[in-house]
PDB file of N, CA and C in Angstrom:
ATOM      1  N   MET A   1       0.822  -1.199   0.000  1.00  0.00           N
ATOM      2  CA  MET A   1       0.000   0.000   0.000  1.00  0.00           C
ATOM      3  C   MET A   1       0.861   1.256   0.000  1.00  0.00           C
ATOM      4  N   THR A   2       1.962   1.219   0.756  1.00  0.00           N
ATOM      5  CA  THR A   2       2.807   2.407   0.813  1.00  0.00           C
ATOM      6  C   THR A   2       3.501   2.652  -0.528  1.00  0.00           C
ATOM      7  N   ARG A   3       3.776   1.583  -1.274  1.00  0.00           N
ATOM      8  CA  ARG A   3       4.387   1.773  -2.592  1.00  0.00           C
ATOM      9  C   ARG A   3       3.424   2.478  -3.540  1.00  0.00           C
ATOM     10  N   ILE A   4       2.151   2.155  -3.452  1.00  0.00           N
ATOM     11  CA  ILE A   4       1.159   2.795  -4.319  1.00  0.00           C
ATOM     12  C   ILE A   4       1.048   4.270  -3.964  1.00  0.00           C
ATOM     13  N   VAL A   5       1.007   4.573  -2.678  1.00  0.00           N
ATOM     14  CA  VAL A   5       0.928   5.976  -2.239  1.00  0.00           C
ATOM     15  C   VAL A   5       2.187   6.721  -2.664  1.00  0.00           C
ATOM     16  N   SER A   6       3.347   6.093  -2.529  1.00  0.00           N
ATOM     17  CA  SER A   6       4.603   6.721  -2.945  1.00  0.00           C
ATOM     18  C   SER A   6       4.614   6.972  -4.446  1.00  0.00           C
ATOM     19  N   LEU A   7       4.147   6.010  -5.216  1.00  0.00           N
ATOM     20  CA  LEU A   7       4.109   6.162  -6.669  1.00  0.00           C
ATOM     21  C   LEU A   7       3.166   7.288  -7.075  1.00  0.00           C
ATOM     22  N   ILE A   8       2.000   7.343  -6.440  1.00  0.00           N
ATOM     23  CA  ILE A   8       1.048   8.422  -6.735  1.00  0.00           C
ATOM     24  C   ILE A   8       1.667   9.775  -6.376  1.00  0.00           C
ATOM     25  N   PHE A   9       2.356   9.849  -5.252  1.00  0.00           N
ATOM     26  CA  PHE A   9       2.998  11.093  -4.826  1.00  0.00           C
ATOM     27  C   PHE A   9       4.069  11.521  -5.832  1.00  0.00           C
ATOM     28  N   ILE A  10       4.883  10.588  -6.291  1.00  0.00           N
ATOM     29  CA  ILE A  10       5.941  10.905  -7.258  1.00  0.00           C
ATOM     30  C   ILE A  10       5.341  11.375  -8.572  1.00  0.00           C
ATOM     31  N   VAL A  11       4.290  10.693  -9.041  1.00  0.00           N
ATOM     32  CA  VAL A  11       3.638  11.097 -10.295  1.00  0.00           C
ATOM     33  C   VAL A  11       3.023  12.482 -10.137  1.00  0.00           C
ATOM     34  N   LEU A  12       2.435  12.755  -8.993  1.00  0.00           N
ATOM     35  CA  LEU A  12       1.848  14.073  -8.747  1.00  0.00           C
ATOM     36  C   LEU A  12       2.907  15.169  -8.758  1.00  0.00           C
ATOM     37  N   ILE A  13       4.045  14.927  -8.118  1.00  0.00           N
ATOM     38  CA  ILE A  13       5.137  15.909  -8.101  1.00  0.00           C
ATOM     39  C   ILE A  13       5.674  16.135  -9.510  1.00  0.00           C
ATOM     40  N   LEU A  14       5.851  15.054 -10.276  1.00  0.00           N
ATOM     41  CA  LEU A  14       6.333  15.195 -11.651  1.00  0.00           C
ATOM     42  C   LEU A  14       5.338  15.966 -12.512  1.00  0.00           C
ATOM     43  N   ALA A  15       4.045  15.710 -12.337  1.00  0.00           N
ATOM     44  CA  ALA A  15       3.026  16.435 -13.097  1.00  0.00           C
ATOM     45  C   ALA A  15       3.031  17.920 -12.740  1.00  0.00           C
ATOM     46  N   LEU A  16       3.158  18.205 -11.445  1.00  0.00           N
ATOM     47  CA  LEU A  16       3.230  19.615 -11.029  1.00  0.00           C
ATOM     48  C   LEU A  16       4.468  20.296 -11.607  1.00  0.00           C
ATOM     49  N   GLY A  17       5.589  19.594 -11.614  1.00  0.00           N
ATOM     50  CA  GLY A  17       6.800  20.154 -12.208  1.00  0.00           C
ATOM     51  C   GLY A  17       6.646  20.399 -13.706  1.00  0.00           C
ATOM     52  N   LEU A  18       6.004  19.467 -14.388  1.00  0.00           N
ATOM     53  CA  LEU A  18       5.771  19.635 -15.826  1.00  0.00           C
ATOM     54  C   LEU A  18       4.878  20.837 -16.101  1.00  0.00           C
ATOM     55  N   PHE A  19       3.788  20.958 -15.345  1.00  0.00           N
ATOM     56  CA  PHE A  19       2.894  22.101 -15.530  1.00  0.00           C
ATOM     57  C   PHE A  19       3.586  23.415 -15.176  1.00  0.00           C
ATOM     58  N   PHE A  20       4.420  23.394 -14.137  1.00  0.00           N
ATOM     59  CA  PHE A  20       5.187  24.581 -13.766  1.00  0.00           C
ATOM     60  C   PHE A  20       6.094  25.006 -14.917  1.00  0.00           C
ATOM     61  N   GLY A  21       6.771  24.033 -15.519  1.00  0.00           N
ATOM     62  CA  GLY A  21       7.656  24.337 -16.639  1.00  0.00           C
ATOM     63  C   GLY A  21       6.901  24.866 -17.848  1.00  0.00           C
ATOM     64  N   LEU A  22       5.732  24.314 -18.115  1.00  0.00           N
ATOM     65  CA  LEU A  22       4.942  24.770 -19.259  1.00  0.00           C
ATOM     66  C   LEU A  22       4.381  26.164 -19.031  1.00  0.00           C
ATOM     67  N   LEU A  23       3.974  26.469 -17.816  1.00  0.00           N
ATOM     68  CA  LEU A  23       3.409  27.792 -17.526  1.00  0.00           C
ATOM     69  C   LEU A  23       4.471  28.882 -17.481  1.00  0.00           C
ATOM     70  N   ASN A  24       5.721  28.526 -17.230  1.00  0.00           N
ATOM     71  CA  ASN A  24       6.802  29.503 -17.129  1.00  0.00           C
ATOM     72  C   ASN A  24       7.848  29.290 -18.212  1.00  0.00           C
ATOM     73  N   ALA A  25       7.389  29.042 -19.422  1.00  0.00           N
ATOM     74  CA  ALA A  25       8.307  28.752 -20.523  1.00  0.00           C
ATOM     75  C   ALA A  25       8.816  30.006 -21.224  1.00  0.00           C
ATOM     76  N   GLU A  26       8.311  31.178 -20.861  1.00  0.00           N
ATOM     77  CA  GLU A  26       8.768  32.402 -21.522  1.00  0.00           C
ATOM     78  C   GLU A  26      10.256  32.614 -21.257  1.00  0.00           C
ATOM     79  N   PRO A  27      10.978  33.037 -22.279  1.00  0.00           N
ATOM     80  CA  PRO A  27      12.407  33.274 -22.047  1.00  0.00           C
ATOM     81  C   PRO A  27      12.634  34.557 -21.243  1.00  0.00           C
ATOM     82  N   ALA A  28      13.567  34.490 -20.347  1.00  0.00           N
ATOM     83  CA  ALA A  28      13.996  35.653 -19.574  1.00  0.00           C
ATOM     84  C   ALA A  28      15.484  35.826 -19.840  1.00  0.00           C
ATOM     85  N   GLU A  29      15.913  37.054 -19.925  1.00  0.00           N
ATOM     86  CA  GLU A  29      17.311  37.317 -20.241  1.00  0.00           C
ATOM     87  C   GLU A  29      18.154  37.306 -18.968  1.00  0.00           C
ATOM     88  N   VAL A  30      19.177  36.472 -18.969  1.00  0.00           N
ATOM     89  CA  VAL A  30      20.098  36.382 -17.845  1.00  0.00           C
ATOM     90  C   VAL A  30      21.361  37.150 -18.213  1.00  0.00           C
ATOM     91  N   ASN A  31      21.681  38.147 -17.405  1.00  0.00           N
ATOM     92  CA  ASN A  31      22.890  38.932 -17.624  1.00  0.00           C
ATOM     93  C   ASN A  31      23.987  38.415 -16.712  1.00  0.00           C
ATOM     94  N   TYR A  32      25.100  38.074 -17.254  1.00  0.00           N
ATOM     95  CA  TYR A  32      26.259  37.680 -16.482  1.00  0.00           C
ATOM     96  C   TYR A  32      27.443  38.482 -16.994  1.00  0.00           C
ATOM     97  N   TYR A  33      28.577  38.339 -16.375  1.00  0.00           N
ATOM     98  CA  TYR A  33      29.701  39.233 -16.658  1.00  0.00           C
ATOM     99  C   TYR A  33      30.182  39.168 -18.103  1.00  0.00           C
ATOM    100  N   LEU A  34      30.060  38.040 -18.750  1.00  0.00           N
ATOM    101  CA  LEU A  34      30.581  37.901 -20.114  1.00  0.00           C
ATOM    102  C   LEU A  34      29.542  38.126 -21.191  1.00  0.00           C
ATOM    103  N   GLY A  35      28.298  38.309 -20.841  1.00  0.00           N
ATOM    104  CA  GLY A  35      27.279  38.546 -21.850  1.00  0.00           C
ATOM    105  C   GLY A  35      25.879  38.330 -21.321  1.00  0.00           C
ATOM    106  N   LYS A  36      24.972  38.076 -22.274  1.00  0.00           N
ATOM    107  CA  LYS A  36      23.569  37.851 -21.956  1.00  0.00           C
ATOM    108  C   LYS A  36      23.127  36.556 -22.617  1.00  0.00           C
ATOM    109  N   MET A  37      22.121  35.915 -22.010  1.00  0.00           N
ATOM    110  CA  MET A  37      21.625  34.686 -22.594  1.00  0.00           C
ATOM    111  C   MET A  37      20.144  34.533 -22.249  1.00  0.00           C
ATOM    112  N   PRO A  38      19.295  34.266 -23.252  1.00  0.00           N
ATOM    113  CA  PRO A  38      17.888  34.009 -22.938  1.00  0.00           C
ATOM    114  C   PRO A  38      17.715  32.576 -22.416  1.00  0.00           C
ATOM    115  N   VAL A  39      17.044  32.446 -21.269  1.00  0.00           N
ATOM    116  CA  VAL A  39      16.825  31.155 -20.632  1.00  0.00           C
ATOM    117  C   VAL A  39      15.360  31.097 -20.211  1.00  0.00           C
ATOM    118  N   PRO A  40      14.708  29.944 -20.343  1.00  0.00           N
ATOM    119  CA  PRO A  40      13.324  29.853 -19.865  1.00  0.00           C
ATOM    120  C   PRO A  40      13.225  30.186 -18.373  1.00  0.00           C
ATOM    121  N   LEU A  41      12.173  30.885 -18.026  1.00  0.00           N
ATOM    122  CA  LEU A  41      11.989  31.353 -16.659  1.00  0.00           C
ATOM    123  C   LEU A  41      11.931  30.189 -15.675  1.00  0.00           C
ATOM    124  N   SER A  42      11.330  29.088 -16.068  1.00  0.00           N
ATOM    125  CA  SER A  42      11.234  27.943 -15.161  1.00  0.00           C
ATOM    126  C   SER A  42      12.613  27.394 -14.801  1.00  0.00           C
ATOM    127  N   ILE A  43      13.540  27.398 -15.757  1.00  0.00           N
ATOM    128  CA  ILE A  43      14.905  26.930 -15.484  1.00  0.00           C
ATOM    129  C   ILE A  43      15.588  27.857 -14.486  1.00  0.00           C
ATOM    130  N   ILE A  44      15.398  29.160 -14.651  1.00  0.00           N
ATOM    131  CA  ILE A  44      16.003  30.136 -13.739  1.00  0.00           C
ATOM    132  C   ILE A  44      15.486  29.917 -12.321  1.00  0.00           C
ATOM    133  N   ILE A  45      14.178  29.697 -12.183  1.00  0.00           N
ATOM    134  CA  ILE A  45      13.589  29.519 -10.863  1.00  0.00           C
ATOM    135  C   ILE A  45      14.105  28.234 -10.210  1.00  0.00           C
ATOM    136  N   VAL A  46      14.144  27.144 -10.970  1.00  0.00           N
ATOM    137  CA  VAL A  46      14.592  25.859 -10.414  1.00  0.00           C
ATOM    138  C   VAL A  46      16.063  25.933 -10.015  1.00  0.00           C
ATOM    139  N   VAL A  47      16.898  26.526 -10.851  1.00  0.00           N
ATOM    140  CA  VAL A  47      18.318  26.649 -10.527  1.00  0.00           C
ATOM    141  C   VAL A  47      18.505  27.533  -9.291  1.00  0.00           C
ATOM    142  N   SER A  48      17.712  28.587  -9.175  1.00  0.00           N
ATOM    143  CA  SER A  48      17.799  29.455  -7.995  1.00  0.00           C
ATOM    144  C   SER A  48      17.396  28.710  -6.729  1.00  0.00           C
ATOM    145  N   LEU A  49      16.349  27.892  -6.808  1.00  0.00           N
ATOM    146  CA  LEU A  49      15.930  27.111  -5.640  1.00  0.00           C
ATOM    147  C   LEU A  49      16.989  26.098  -5.233  1.00  0.00           C
ATOM    148  N   ILE A  50      17.584  25.432  -6.211  1.00  0.00           N
ATOM    149  CA  ILE A  50      18.626  24.446  -5.920  1.00  0.00           C
ATOM    150  C   ILE A  50      19.854  25.130  -5.314  1.00  0.00           C
ATOM    151  N   ALA A  51      20.237  26.276  -5.879  1.00  0.00           N
ATOM    152  CA  ALA A  51      21.392  27.007  -5.352  1.00  0.00           C
ATOM    153  C   ALA A  51      21.117  27.484  -3.923  1.00  0.00           C
ATOM    154  N   GLY A  52      19.905  27.953  -3.651  1.00  0.00           N
ATOM    155  CA  GLY A  52      19.550  28.390  -2.300  1.00  0.00           C
ATOM    156  C   GLY A  52      19.570  27.245  -1.301  1.00  0.00           C
ATOM    157  N   ALA A  53      19.064  26.083  -1.714  1.00  0.00           N
ATOM    158  CA  ALA A  53      19.088  24.909  -0.833  1.00  0.00           C
ATOM    159  C   ALA A  53      20.522  24.486  -0.547  1.00  0.00           C
ATOM    160  N   PHE A  54      21.372  24.493  -1.568  1.00  0.00           N
ATOM    161  CA  PHE A  54      22.771  24.122  -1.391  1.00  0.00           C
ATOM    162  C   PHE A  54      23.483  25.096  -0.460  1.00  0.00           C
ATOM    163  N   LEU A  55      23.271  26.398  -0.661  1.00  0.00           N
ATOM    164  CA  LEU A  55      23.913  27.394   0.197  1.00  0.00           C
ATOM    165  C   LEU A  55      23.400  27.302   1.632  1.00  0.00           C
ATOM    166  N   GLY A  56      22.111  27.031   1.813  1.00  0.00           N
ATOM    167  CA  GLY A  56      21.565  26.874   3.153  1.00  0.00           C
ATOM    168  C   GLY A  56      22.151  25.664   3.866  1.00  0.00           C
ATOM    169  N   ALA A  57      22.271  24.559   3.140  1.00  0.00           N
ATOM    170  CA  ALA A  57      22.868  23.352   3.728  1.00  0.00           C
ATOM    171  C   ALA A  57      24.336  23.599   4.063  1.00  0.00           C
ATOM    172  N   PHE A  58      25.047  24.260   3.175  1.00  0.00           N
ATOM    173  CA  PHE A  58      26.456  24.555   3.399  1.00  0.00           C
ATOM    174  C   PHE A  58      26.638  25.471   4.609  1.00  0.00           C
ATOM    175  N   ALA A  59      25.731  26.438   4.770  1.00  0.00           N
ATOM    176  CA  ALA A  59      25.828  27.374   5.893  1.00  0.00           C
ATOM    177  C   ALA A  59      25.552  26.679   7.224  1.00  0.00           C
ATOM    178  N   SER A  60      24.753  25.615   7.223  1.00  0.00           N
ATOM    179  CA  SER A  60      24.420  24.946   8.478  1.00  0.00           C
ATOM    180  C   SER A  60      25.424  23.864   8.869  1.00  0.00           C
ATOM    181  N   VAL A  61      26.366  23.535   8.013  1.00  0.00           N
ATOM    182  CA  VAL A  61      27.341  22.485   8.309  1.00  0.00           C
ATOM    183  C   VAL A  61      28.160  22.834   9.550  1.00  0.00           C
ATOM    184  N   GLY A  62      28.559  24.065   9.696  1.00  0.00           N
ATOM    185  CA  GLY A  62      29.359  24.475  10.847  1.00  0.00           C
ATOM    186  C   GLY A  62      28.616  24.263  12.153  1.00  0.00           C
ATOM    187  N   ALA A  63      27.347  24.640  12.193  1.00  0.00           N
ATOM    188  CA  ALA A  63      26.559  24.471  13.413  1.00  0.00           C
ATOM    189  C   ALA A  63      26.346  22.991  13.726  1.00  0.00           C
ATOM    190  N   ILE A  64      26.115  22.185  12.715  1.00  0.00           N
ATOM    191  CA  ILE A  64      25.909  20.748  12.932  1.00  0.00           C
ATOM    192  C   ILE A  64      27.180  20.109  13.479  1.00  0.00           C
ATOM    193  N   LEU A  65      28.322  20.425  12.905  1.00  0.00           N
ATOM    194  CA  LEU A  65      29.579  19.864  13.388  1.00  0.00           C
ATOM    195  C   LEU A  65      29.879  20.311  14.812  1.00  0.00           C
ATOM    196  N   ARG A  66      29.582  21.555  15.126  1.00  0.00           N
ATOM    197  CA  ARG A  66      29.795  22.071  16.479  1.00  0.00           C
ATOM    198  C   ARG A  66      28.926  21.313  17.481  1.00  0.00           C
ATOM    199  N   GLN A  67      27.677  21.044  17.118  1.00  0.00           N
ATOM    200  CA  GLN A  67      26.787  20.308  18.014  1.00  0.00           C
ATOM    201  C   GLN A  67      27.239  18.858  18.182  1.00  0.00           C
ATOM    202  N   LYS A  68      27.731  18.235  17.129  1.00  0.00           N
ATOM    203  CA  LYS A  68      28.220  16.862  17.241  1.00  0.00           C
ATOM    204  C   LYS A  68      29.430  16.792  18.164  1.00  0.00           C
ATOM    205  N   ARG A  69      30.329  17.761  18.062  1.00  0.00           N
ATOM    206  CA  ARG A  69      31.481  17.794  18.970  1.00  0.00           C
ATOM    207  C   ARG A  69      31.024  17.973  20.411  1.00  0.00           C
ATOM    208  N   GLN A  70      30.002  18.801  20.624  1.00  0.00           N
ATOM    209  CA  GLN A  70      29.496  19.018  21.969  1.00  0.00           C
ATOM    210  C   GLN A  70      28.863  17.742  22.517  1.00  0.00           C
ATOM    211  N   VAL A  71      28.135  17.007  21.696  1.00  0.00           N
ATOM    212  CA  VAL A  71      27.534  15.746  22.133  1.00  0.00           C
ATOM    213  C   VAL A  71      28.614  14.758  22.532  1.00  0.00           C
ATOM    214  N   ILE A  72      29.672  14.658  21.744  1.00  0.00           N
ATOM    215  CA  ILE A  72      30.781  13.751  22.068  1.00  0.00           C
ATOM    216  C   ILE A  72      31.422  14.149  23.392  1.00  0.00           C
ATOM    217  N   ARG A  73      31.648  15.440  23.583  1.00  0.00           N
ATOM    218  CA  ARG A  73      32.266  15.922  24.820  1.00  0.00           C
ATOM    219  C   ARG A  73      31.363  15.629  26.028  1.00  0.00           C
ATOM    220  N   LEU A  74      30.068  15.839  25.894  1.00  0.00           N
ATOM    221  CA  LEU A  74      29.147  15.595  27.000  1.00  0.00           C
ATOM    222  C   LEU A  74      29.030  14.105  27.307  1.00  0.00           C
ATOM    223  N   ARG A  75      29.081  13.257  26.288  1.00  0.00           N
ATOM    224  CA  ARG A  75      29.049  11.809  26.532  1.00  0.00           C
ATOM    225  C   ARG A  75      30.302  11.357  27.280  1.00  0.00           C
ATOM    226  N   ARG A  76      31.427  11.923  26.945  1.00  0.00           N
ATOM    227  CA  ARG A  76      32.664  11.590  27.669  1.00  0.00           C
ATOM    228  C   ARG A  76      32.559  12.005  29.132  1.00  0.00           C
ATOM    229  N   GLN A  77      31.973  13.183  29.384  1.00  0.00           N
ATOM    230  CA  GLN A  77      31.798  13.628  30.760  1.00  0.00           C
ATOM    231  C   GLN A  77      30.871  12.699  31.525  1.00  0.00           C
ATOM    232  N   LEU A  78      29.803  12.226  30.869  1.00  0.00           N
ATOM    233  CA  LEU A  78      28.893  11.291  31.522  1.00  0.00           C
ATOM    234  C   LEU A  78      29.587   9.970  31.825  1.00  0.00           C
ATOM    235  N   ASN A  79      30.403   9.494  30.898  1.00  0.00           N
ATOM    236  CA  ASN A  79      31.138   8.247  31.125  1.00  0.00           C
ATOM    237  C   ASN A  79      32.110   8.383  32.295  1.00  0.00           C
ATOM    238  N   LYS A  80      32.764   9.540  32.396  1.00  0.00           N
ATOM    239  CA  LYS A  80      33.693   9.760  33.513  1.00  0.00           C
ATOM    240  C   LYS A  80      32.951   9.806  34.836  1.00  0.00           C
ATOM    241  N   ALA A  81      31.724  10.309  34.818  1.00  0.00           N
ATOM    242  CA  ALA A  81      30.927  10.387  36.043  1.00  0.00           C
ATOM    243  C   ALA A  81      30.298   9.051  36.397  1.00  0.00           C
ATOM    244  N   GLY A  82      30.392   8.071  35.499  1.00  0.00           N
ATOM    245  CA  GLY A  82      29.858   6.748  35.769  1.00  0.00           C
ATOM    246  C   GLY A  82      28.381   6.617  35.466  1.00  0.00           C
ATOM    247  N   ILE A  83      27.859   7.514  34.668  1.00  0.00           N
ATOM    248  CA  ILE A  83      26.445   7.473  34.306  1.00  0.00           C
ATOM    249  C   ILE A  83      26.328   6.761  32.956  1.00  0.00           C
ATOM    250  N   ALA A  84      25.515   5.710  32.917  1.00  0.00           N
ATOM    251  CA  ALA A  84      25.330   4.963  31.672  1.00  0.00           C
ATOM    252  C   ALA A  84      24.339   5.706  30.785  1.00  0.00           C
ATOM    253  N   ILE A  85      24.673   5.779  29.521  1.00  0.00           N
ATOM    254  CA  ILE A  85      23.775   6.409  28.561  1.00  0.00           C
ATOM    255  C   ILE A  85      23.328   5.375  27.554  1.00  0.00           C
ATOM    256  N   GLN A  86      22.128   5.539  27.084  1.00  0.00           N
ATOM    257  CA  GLN A  86      21.592   4.630  26.088  1.00  0.00           C
ATOM    258  C   GLN A  86      21.559   5.330  24.748  1.00  0.00           C
ATOM    259  N   THR A  87      22.022   4.637  23.734  1.00  0.00           N
ATOM    260  CA  THR A  87      21.963   5.168  22.375  1.00  0.00           C
ATOM    261  C   THR A  87      20.889   4.423  21.613  1.00  0.00           C
ATOM    262  N   LYS A  88      20.538   4.939  20.497  1.00  0.00           N
ATOM    263  CA  LYS A  88      19.464   4.346  19.685  1.00  0.00           C
ATOM    264  C   LYS A  88      19.773   2.967  19.229  1.00  0.00           C
TER     265      LYS A  88
END
């Protein structure tokens, strides 16, 4: 049953993406340092979303690593105190 729901969800997402691309097919001019290039608006939006997600993930890596180091340090302190901890 979950495979059917997953398949329906994937088909729905693909259909929405297709309709999004068709509705935003007008070319928009992208200016970059070496020139200009007409690109479909849907491509610009998707690339911008992907770049934003990548930059957001990259920006959070430092905080995640800092928290992992803190967890390791706190577990060592608990072990020294003789307190047993349970992991997943």
